[in-house]
C-alpha cells in the first residue's frame, strides 16, 4: 500500500490547514510508528477559523486555516488512529502568544503490540 515511514514530523503546519483532522487521517496512511510535532491550538473553548482566507495563516489561498482546541486535537489524533503519548505546552513564538504544544503520538497498533 505504498511507502510507510517510521516517524512523521509536523512542526507548525496543522494550524495553517483548513481541515487538520483530515490531514491527521491522511498522515496515518503512511505513518508506521510515531507522529511528533508542534502546533498552535485555539485559545477559545471551540475551534477557531483564522478570519482571513488566504491570509498569512492559511496554507491554502482560498480557505481559512482552522485551529482546534487542545481537546479536539487529542480527539482528532484518536480518530485518525494515533494514541497521544504526550502533549506539553510550549512557547507560542516570538510574534504569537496563542497556546502552542509539543506532541508525541504513536499509531495505535504499535502501542497495543508493545503492551
C-alpha atoms as a PDB file:
ATOM      1  CA  UNK A   1       0.000   0.000   0.000  1.00  0.00           C
ATOM      2  CA  UNK A   2       2.851   2.411  -0.667  1.00  0.00           C
ATOM      3  CA  UNK A   3       5.778   3.659   1.334  1.00  0.00           C
ATOM      4  CA  UNK A   4       5.493   3.736   5.133  1.00  0.00           C
ATOM      5  CA  UNK A   5       7.617   5.910   7.392  1.00  0.00           C
ATOM      6  CA  UNK A   6       8.700   5.101  10.943  1.00  0.00           C
ATOM      7  CA  UNK A   7       8.108   8.690  12.004  1.00  0.00           C
ATOM      8  CA  UNK A   8       6.322  11.742  10.696  1.00  0.00           C
ATOM      9  CA  UNK A   9       7.443  15.178  11.894  1.00  0.00           C
ATOM     10  CA  UNK A  10       4.918  18.013  11.767  1.00  0.00           C
ATOM     11  CA  UNK A  11       6.152  21.292  13.181  1.00  0.00           C
ATOM     12  CA  UNK A  12       3.999  24.385  12.727  1.00  0.00           C
ATOM     13  CA  UNK A  13       1.806  23.155   9.874  1.00  0.00           C
ATOM     14  CA  UNK A  14      -1.520  21.809  11.174  1.00  0.00           C
ATOM     15  CA  UNK A  15      -2.972  25.140  12.256  1.00  0.00           C
ATOM     16  CA  UNK A  16      -2.315  26.511   8.759  1.00  0.00           C
ATOM     17  CA  UNK A  17      -4.706  23.987   7.182  1.00  0.00           C
ATOM     18  CA  UNK A  18      -8.486  24.166   6.633  1.00  0.00           C
ATOM     19  CA  UNK A  19      -9.037  20.612   7.979  1.00  0.00           C
ATOM     20  CA  UNK A  20      -6.286  19.457  10.360  1.00  0.00           C
ATOM     21  CA  UNK A  21      -8.304  16.383  11.437  1.00  0.00           C
ATOM     22  CA  UNK A  22      -8.461  15.116   7.832  1.00  0.00           C
ATOM     23  CA  UNK A  23      -4.734  15.777   7.480  1.00  0.00           C
ATOM     24  CA  UNK A  24      -4.011  13.603  10.531  1.00  0.00           C
ATOM     25  CA  UNK A  25      -6.054  10.792   8.967  1.00  0.00           C
ATOM     26  CA  UNK A  26      -4.080  11.157   5.742  1.00  0.00           C
ATOM     27  CA  UNK A  27      -0.752  11.074   7.584  1.00  0.00           C
ATOM     28  CA  UNK A  28      -1.835   7.861   9.312  1.00  0.00           C
ATOM     29  CA  UNK A  29      -1.958   6.142   5.900  1.00  0.00           C
ATOM     30  CA  UNK A  30       1.837   6.383   5.580  1.00  0.00           C
ATOM     31  CA  UNK A  31       2.951   6.584   9.220  1.00  0.00           C
ATOM     32  CA  UNK A  32       4.159   3.283  10.595  1.00  0.00           C
ATOM     33  CA  UNK A  33       5.084   4.499  14.079  1.00  0.00           C
ATOM     34  CA  UNK A  34       5.429   7.927  15.666  1.00  0.00           C
ATOM     35  CA  UNK A  35       3.969  11.343  14.920  1.00  0.00           C
ATOM     36  CA  UNK A  36       5.932  14.138  16.555  1.00  0.00           C
ATOM     37  CA  UNK A  37       5.236  17.821  16.238  1.00  0.00           C
ATOM     38  CA  UNK A  38       4.340  21.261  17.432  1.00  0.00           C
ATOM     39  CA  UNK A  39       1.088  23.087  16.846  1.00  0.00           C
ATOM     40  CA  UNK A  40      -0.943  26.047  17.978  1.00  0.00           C
ATOM     41  CA  UNK A  41      -4.356  25.300  19.428  1.00  0.00           C
ATOM     42  CA  UNK A  42      -7.412  27.514  19.665  1.00  0.00           C
ATOM     43  CA  UNK A  43      -7.225  29.990  22.536  1.00  0.00           C
ATOM     44  CA  UNK A  44     -11.021  29.705  22.813  1.00  0.00           C
ATOM     45  CA  UNK A  45     -13.341  26.975  24.061  1.00  0.00           C
ATOM     46  CA  UNK A  46     -14.199  25.970  20.490  1.00  0.00           C
ATOM     47  CA  UNK A  47     -12.339  25.637  17.204  1.00  0.00           C
ATOM     48  CA  UNK A  48     -11.210  28.864  15.655  1.00  0.00           C
ATOM     49  CA  UNK A  49     -11.048  29.758  11.982  1.00  0.00           C
ATOM     50  CA  UNK A  50      -8.439  32.340  11.147  1.00  0.00           C
ATOM     51  CA  UNK A  51     -10.690  35.046   9.679  1.00  0.00           C
ATOM     52  CA  UNK A  52      -8.744  35.944   6.557  1.00  0.00           C
ATOM     53  CA  UNK A  53      -8.914  33.289   3.860  1.00  0.00           C
ATOM     54  CA  UNK A  54      -5.639  33.396   2.011  1.00  0.00           C
ATOM     55  CA  UNK A  55      -4.073  35.442   4.794  1.00  0.00           C
ATOM     56  CA  UNK A  56      -0.693  34.849   6.342  1.00  0.00           C
ATOM     57  CA  UNK A  57      -2.012  31.967   8.452  1.00  0.00           C
ATOM     58  CA  UNK A  58      -3.564  29.999   5.599  1.00  0.00           C
ATOM     59  CA  UNK A  59      -1.523  27.437   3.686  1.00  0.00           C
ATOM     60  CA  UNK A  60      -4.284  27.230   1.087  1.00  0.00           C
ATOM     61  CA  UNK A  61      -5.109  30.538  -0.587  1.00  0.00           C
ATOM     62  CA  UNK A  62      -8.881  30.093  -0.806  1.00  0.00           C
ATOM     63  CA  UNK A  63      -9.727  28.658   2.624  1.00  0.00           C
ATOM     64  CA  UNK A  64      -9.207  29.893   6.175  1.00  0.00           C
ATOM     65  CA  UNK A  65      -6.993  27.897   8.476  1.00  0.00           C
ATOM     66  CA  UNK A  66      -8.657  26.059  11.349  1.00  0.00           C
ATOM     67  CA  UNK A  67      -7.289  25.853  14.875  1.00  0.00           C
ATOM     68  CA  UNK A  68      -8.611  23.004  17.008  1.00  0.00           C
ATOM     69  CA  UNK A  69      -8.847  23.174  20.786  1.00  0.00           C
ATOM     70  CA  UNK A  70      -6.413  21.020  22.748  1.00  0.00           C
ATOM     71  CA  UNK A  71      -9.237  18.543  23.410  1.00  0.00           C
ATOM     72  CA  UNK A  72     -10.350  18.490  19.757  1.00  0.00           C
ATOM     73  CA  UNK A  73      -6.750  17.914  18.686  1.00  0.00           C
ATOM     74  CA  UNK A  74      -6.440  14.901  21.028  1.00  0.00           C
ATOM     75  CA  UNK A  75      -9.758  13.545  19.707  1.00  0.00           C
ATOM     76  CA  UNK A  76      -8.665  14.068  16.082  1.00  0.00           C
ATOM     77  CA  UNK A  77      -5.480  12.098  16.771  1.00  0.00           C
ATOM     78  CA  UNK A  78      -7.531   9.276  18.287  1.00  0.00           C
ATOM     79  CA  UNK A  79      -9.984   9.205  15.371  1.00  0.00           C
ATOM     80  CA  UNK A  80      -7.043   9.137  12.937  1.00  0.00           C
ATOM     81  CA  UNK A  81      -5.637   6.032  14.621  1.00  0.00           C
ATOM     82  CA  UNK A  82      -2.983   7.603  16.856  1.00  0.00           C
ATOM     83  CA  UNK A  83      -2.591   7.345  20.617  1.00  0.00           C
ATOM     84  CA  UNK A  84      -1.484  10.607  22.203  1.00  0.00           C
ATOM     85  CA  UNK A  85       1.521   9.833  24.411  1.00  0.00           C
ATOM     86  CA  UNK A  86       2.481  13.359  25.439  1.00  0.00           C
ATOM     87  CA  UNK A  87       1.308  16.917  24.882  1.00  0.00           C
ATOM     88  CA  UNK A  88       3.290  19.627  26.646  1.00  0.00           C
ATOM     89  CA  UNK A  89       2.735  23.358  26.425  1.00  0.00           C
ATOM     90  CA  UNK A  90       5.463  25.205  24.542  1.00  0.00           C
ATOM     91  CA  UNK A  91       6.174  28.828  23.801  1.00  0.00           C
ATOM     92  CA  UNK A  92       3.908  30.385  21.192  1.00  0.00           C
ATOM     93  CA  UNK A  93       6.689  32.010  19.209  1.00  0.00           C
ATOM     94  CA  UNK A  94       8.233  35.455  19.048  1.00  0.00           C
ATOM     95  CA  UNK A  95       5.218  37.170  17.476  1.00  0.00           C
ATOM     96  CA  UNK A  96       2.454  34.933  18.742  1.00  0.00           C
ATOM     97  CA  UNK A  97       1.131  34.420  22.243  1.00  0.00           C
ATOM     98  CA  UNK A  98      -1.532  31.838  21.341  1.00  0.00           C
ATOM     99  CA  UNK A  99      -1.208  28.447  23.063  1.00  0.00           C
ATOM    100  CA  UNK A 100       1.215  26.040  21.400  1.00  0.00           C
ATOM    101  CA  UNK A 101       2.019  22.433  22.246  1.00  0.00           C
ATOM    102  CA  UNK A 102       4.686  19.876  21.506  1.00  0.00           C
ATOM    103  CA  UNK A 103       3.078  16.493  20.935  1.00  0.00           C
ATOM    104  CA  UNK A 104       4.097  12.870  20.536  1.00  0.00           C
ATOM    105  CA  UNK A 105       1.647  10.260  19.296  1.00  0.00           C
ATOM    106  CA  UNK A 106       2.052   6.693  18.080  1.00  0.00           C
ATOM    107  CA  UNK A 107      -0.140   4.574  15.840  1.00  0.00           C
ATOM    108  CA  UNK A 108      -2.492   2.521  17.974  1.00  0.00           C
ATOM    109  CA  UNK A 109      -1.368  -0.826  16.585  1.00  0.00           C
ATOM    110  CA  UNK A 110       2.250  -0.119  17.571  1.00  0.00           C
ATOM    111  CA  UNK A 111       1.207   0.907  21.076  1.00  0.00           C
ATOM    112  CA  UNK A 112      -1.037  -2.148  21.510  1.00  0.00           C
ATOM    113  CA  UNK A 113       1.718  -4.534  20.366  1.00  0.00           C
ATOM    114  CA  UNK A 114       4.147  -3.178  22.957  1.00  0.00           C
ATOM    115  CA  UNK A 115       1.723  -3.598  25.865  1.00  0.00           C
END
